[in-house]
Amino acid sequence: MKSHQFQDIGALQWGSLGLSPSEAAAYNKCELCGATVDVRYNAGEGLGEAMARLGVPEECPKRVDAPVGGKKIFCFCNGRNPGWYSALAVCEDGHVVGQHICSSVGWVKHDLGIGSSSKHDQYAEHCPEGYELVWVENPKDHEGLMAAYALNQELAKTIEASSGQ
């Protein structure tokens, strides 16, 4: 999918303007086509819900994606606590190449670089030959992610053994 490349362009501070908490919003603008979306954080809304509410199409008319290839990077929500979500990006070779703490599950994909420019410099550094981001909805049931996790555990053992612990 040719997703928008949204960047945060500021937040509306509801208290100083006499608005209710449900009217608090963060404004995001696509760097490619200029589409603007206001996400209502205090109403628990994510980027996808805001786009649907405003009628913004999922595909950006000006996006040209790089060819898919190279290693797969598995992106997923790794857990949650009240008020935040933990997001991880794990390369198929077992290396963790990205992580982020998100305020809403609706932002996990965006904050890991799916449909945005976030973290792509880190991914390109680890995978200079190219990479493909793969969203994983159910981490424990995904064969590719489980294989990457097994390699990650082997890497941890190797590092631990070489450090003399």
Protein backbone atom coordinates (compact mmCIF):
# COMPACT_ATOMS: atom_id res chain seq x y z
CA MET A 1 0.00 0.00 0.00
CA LYS A 2 1.20 3.50 -0.78
CA SER A 3 0.65 5.01 2.67
CA HIS A 4 0.84 8.66 3.61
CA GLN A 5 4.01 9.96 5.24
CA PHE A 6 2.54 11.86 8.20
CA GLN A 7 4.55 14.15 10.43
CA ASP A 8 3.30 15.77 13.64
CA ILE A 9 2.72 19.49 13.07
CA GLY A 10 1.57 20.44 16.56
CA ALA A 11 -1.02 19.84 19.22
CA LEU A 12 -4.11 21.75 20.19
CA GLN A 13 -3.99 22.41 23.93
CA TRP A 14 -7.60 21.98 24.99
CA GLY A 15 -7.31 23.49 28.47
CA SER A 16 -5.89 26.84 27.39
CA LEU A 17 -8.60 27.21 24.74
CA GLY A 18 -11.54 26.21 26.93
CA LEU A 19 -12.21 23.01 24.99
CA SER A 20 -13.27 19.68 26.43
CA PRO A 21 -10.67 16.88 26.66
CA SER A 22 -12.42 15.00 23.84
CA GLU A 23 -11.65 17.94 21.55
CA ALA A 24 -7.89 17.81 22.18
CA ALA A 25 -6.11 16.92 18.98
CA ALA A 26 -2.72 16.49 17.38
CA TYR A 27 -2.40 17.65 13.82
CA ASN A 28 -0.51 15.59 11.29
CA LYS A 29 0.32 16.49 7.71
CA CYS A 30 1.45 14.16 4.93
CA GLU A 31 4.82 15.35 3.67
CA LEU A 32 3.98 14.09 0.18
CA CYS A 33 0.43 15.17 -0.66
CA GLY A 34 -0.37 17.67 2.10
CA ALA A 35 -3.35 15.78 3.59
CA THR A 36 -3.98 16.95 7.16
CA VAL A 37 -5.47 14.79 9.92
CA ASP A 38 -6.41 15.83 13.45
CA VAL A 39 -6.19 12.87 15.82
CA ARG A 40 -8.33 13.17 18.92
CA TYR A 41 -6.03 11.59 21.52
CA ASN A 42 -8.25 12.04 24.54
CA ALA A 43 -11.07 10.23 22.76
CA GLY A 44 -8.71 7.25 22.32
CA GLU A 45 -8.53 7.73 18.57
CA GLY A 46 -5.62 6.46 16.48
CA LEU A 47 -4.41 7.70 13.10
CA GLY A 48 -6.45 5.12 11.15
CA GLU A 49 -9.67 6.09 12.94
CA ALA A 50 -9.00 9.79 12.34
CA MET A 51 -8.37 9.20 8.63
CA ALA A 52 -11.66 7.27 8.36
CA ARG A 53 -13.56 9.97 10.27
CA LEU A 54 -12.23 12.69 7.96
CA GLY A 55 -12.54 10.68 4.75
CA VAL A 56 -8.77 10.71 4.04
CA PRO A 57 -7.98 7.77 1.72
CA GLU A 58 -5.50 5.19 3.04
CA GLU A 59 -3.33 5.48 -0.08
CA CYS A 60 -1.34 8.64 -0.75
CA PRO A 61 -1.67 9.73 -4.38
CA LYS A 62 1.93 11.01 -4.45
CA ARG A 63 3.72 8.12 -2.72
CA VAL A 64 6.21 6.05 -4.71
CA ASP A 65 7.50 3.19 -2.61
CA ALA A 66 10.98 1.75 -2.95
CA PRO A 67 11.12 -1.76 -4.36
CA VAL A 68 10.51 -4.45 -1.77
CA GLY A 69 13.47 -6.70 -1.13
CA GLY A 70 16.21 -7.67 1.22
CA LYS A 71 15.61 -8.83 4.77
CA LYS A 72 12.23 -8.85 6.45
CA ILE A 73 11.73 -6.71 9.52
CA PHE A 74 8.84 -7.84 11.69
CA CYS A 75 6.98 -4.99 13.42
CA PHE A 76 4.54 -5.65 16.25
CA CYS A 77 3.04 -4.48 19.51
CA ASN A 78 5.02 -6.21 22.25
CA GLY A 79 2.73 -5.44 25.17
CA ARG A 80 0.94 -2.71 26.98
CA ASN A 81 0.67 -1.02 30.32
CA PRO A 82 -1.89 1.61 31.33
CA GLY A 83 -1.22 4.64 29.15
CA TRP A 84 1.34 3.18 26.76
CA TYR A 85 2.14 0.40 24.27
CA SER A 86 5.54 -1.18 23.62
CA ALA A 87 6.42 -1.59 19.94
CA LEU A 88 9.32 -3.59 18.47
CA ALA A 89 10.89 -4.14 15.07
CA VAL A 90 12.95 -7.36 14.81
CA CYS A 91 14.96 -8.25 11.72
CA GLU A 92 14.73 -11.82 10.42
CA ASP A 93 18.40 -12.24 11.46
CA GLY A 94 17.40 -11.83 15.13
CA HIS A 95 18.58 -8.26 15.73
CA VAL A 96 16.18 -5.77 17.31
CA VAL A 97 16.41 -2.82 14.92
CA GLY A 98 13.71 -0.55 16.30
CA GLN A 99 11.62 0.06 19.37
CA HIS A 100 9.19 2.68 20.53
CA ILE A 101 6.74 3.47 23.31
CA CYS A 102 3.38 4.64 21.94
CA SER A 103 0.46 6.36 23.63
CA SER A 104 -2.07 4.56 21.45
CA VAL A 105 -2.15 1.21 19.67
CA GLY A 106 -3.32 3.19 16.64
CA TRP A 107 0.15 4.76 16.41
CA VAL A 108 2.27 1.58 16.70
CA LYS A 109 2.52 1.00 12.93
CA HIS A 110 3.27 4.66 12.19
CA ASP A 111 5.89 4.94 14.94
CA LEU A 112 7.70 1.84 13.64
CA GLY A 113 7.79 3.24 10.10
CA ILE A 114 4.87 1.53 8.42
CA GLY A 115 3.38 4.32 6.36
CA SER A 116 5.80 6.91 7.74
CA SER A 117 9.48 7.81 7.56
CA SER A 118 10.04 6.91 11.21
CA LYS A 119 12.96 4.55 11.96
CA HIS A 120 13.87 3.95 8.30
CA ASP A 121 17.39 5.32 8.85
CA GLN A 122 17.92 2.65 11.53
CA TYR A 123 16.52 -0.08 9.27
CA ALA A 124 18.69 0.99 6.32
CA GLU A 125 21.79 1.01 8.54
CA HIS A 126 21.17 -2.60 9.57
CA CYS A 127 19.94 -3.74 6.14
CA PRO A 128 21.87 -1.71 3.53
CA GLU A 129 20.86 -4.21 0.83
CA GLY A 130 17.19 -3.38 1.45
CA TYR A 131 14.41 -4.48 3.75
CA GLU A 132 10.69 -5.13 3.85
CA LEU A 133 8.58 -4.09 6.83
CA VAL A 134 6.06 -6.76 7.82
CA TRP A 135 3.25 -5.95 10.25
CA VAL A 136 2.58 -8.86 12.63
CA GLU A 137 -0.86 -8.83 14.22
CA ASN A 138 -0.41 -11.98 16.33
CA PRO A 139 3.28 -12.26 17.30
CA LYS A 140 3.07 -15.67 19.01
CA ASP A 141 1.48 -17.23 15.90
CA HIS A 142 3.87 -15.80 13.28
CA GLU A 143 6.45 -18.32 12.02
CA GLY A 144 8.85 -15.70 10.64
CA LEU A 145 8.86 -13.69 13.86
CA MET A 146 9.26 -16.83 15.98
CA ALA A 147 12.30 -17.85 13.86
CA ALA A 148 13.75 -14.34 14.33
CA TYR A 149 13.11 -14.60 18.08
CA ALA A 150 15.01 -17.92 18.23
CA LEU A 151 17.96 -16.27 16.47
CA ASN A 152 17.70 -13.33 18.87
CA GLN A 153 18.02 -15.70 21.82
CA GLU A 154 21.09 -17.33 20.24
CA LEU A 155 22.64 -13.88 19.73
CA ALA A 156 22.01 -13.11 23.42
CA LYS A 157 23.76 -16.34 24.47
CA THR A 158 26.74 -15.55 22.23
CA ILE A 159 27.06 -12.04 23.67
CA GLU A 160 26.71 -13.34 27.21
CA ALA A 161 29.39 -16.03 26.62
CA SER A 162 31.81 -13.54 25.07
CA SER A 163 31.40 -11.12 27.97
CA GLY A 164 32.41 -13.85 30.44
CA GLN A 165 29.14 -13.96 32.35
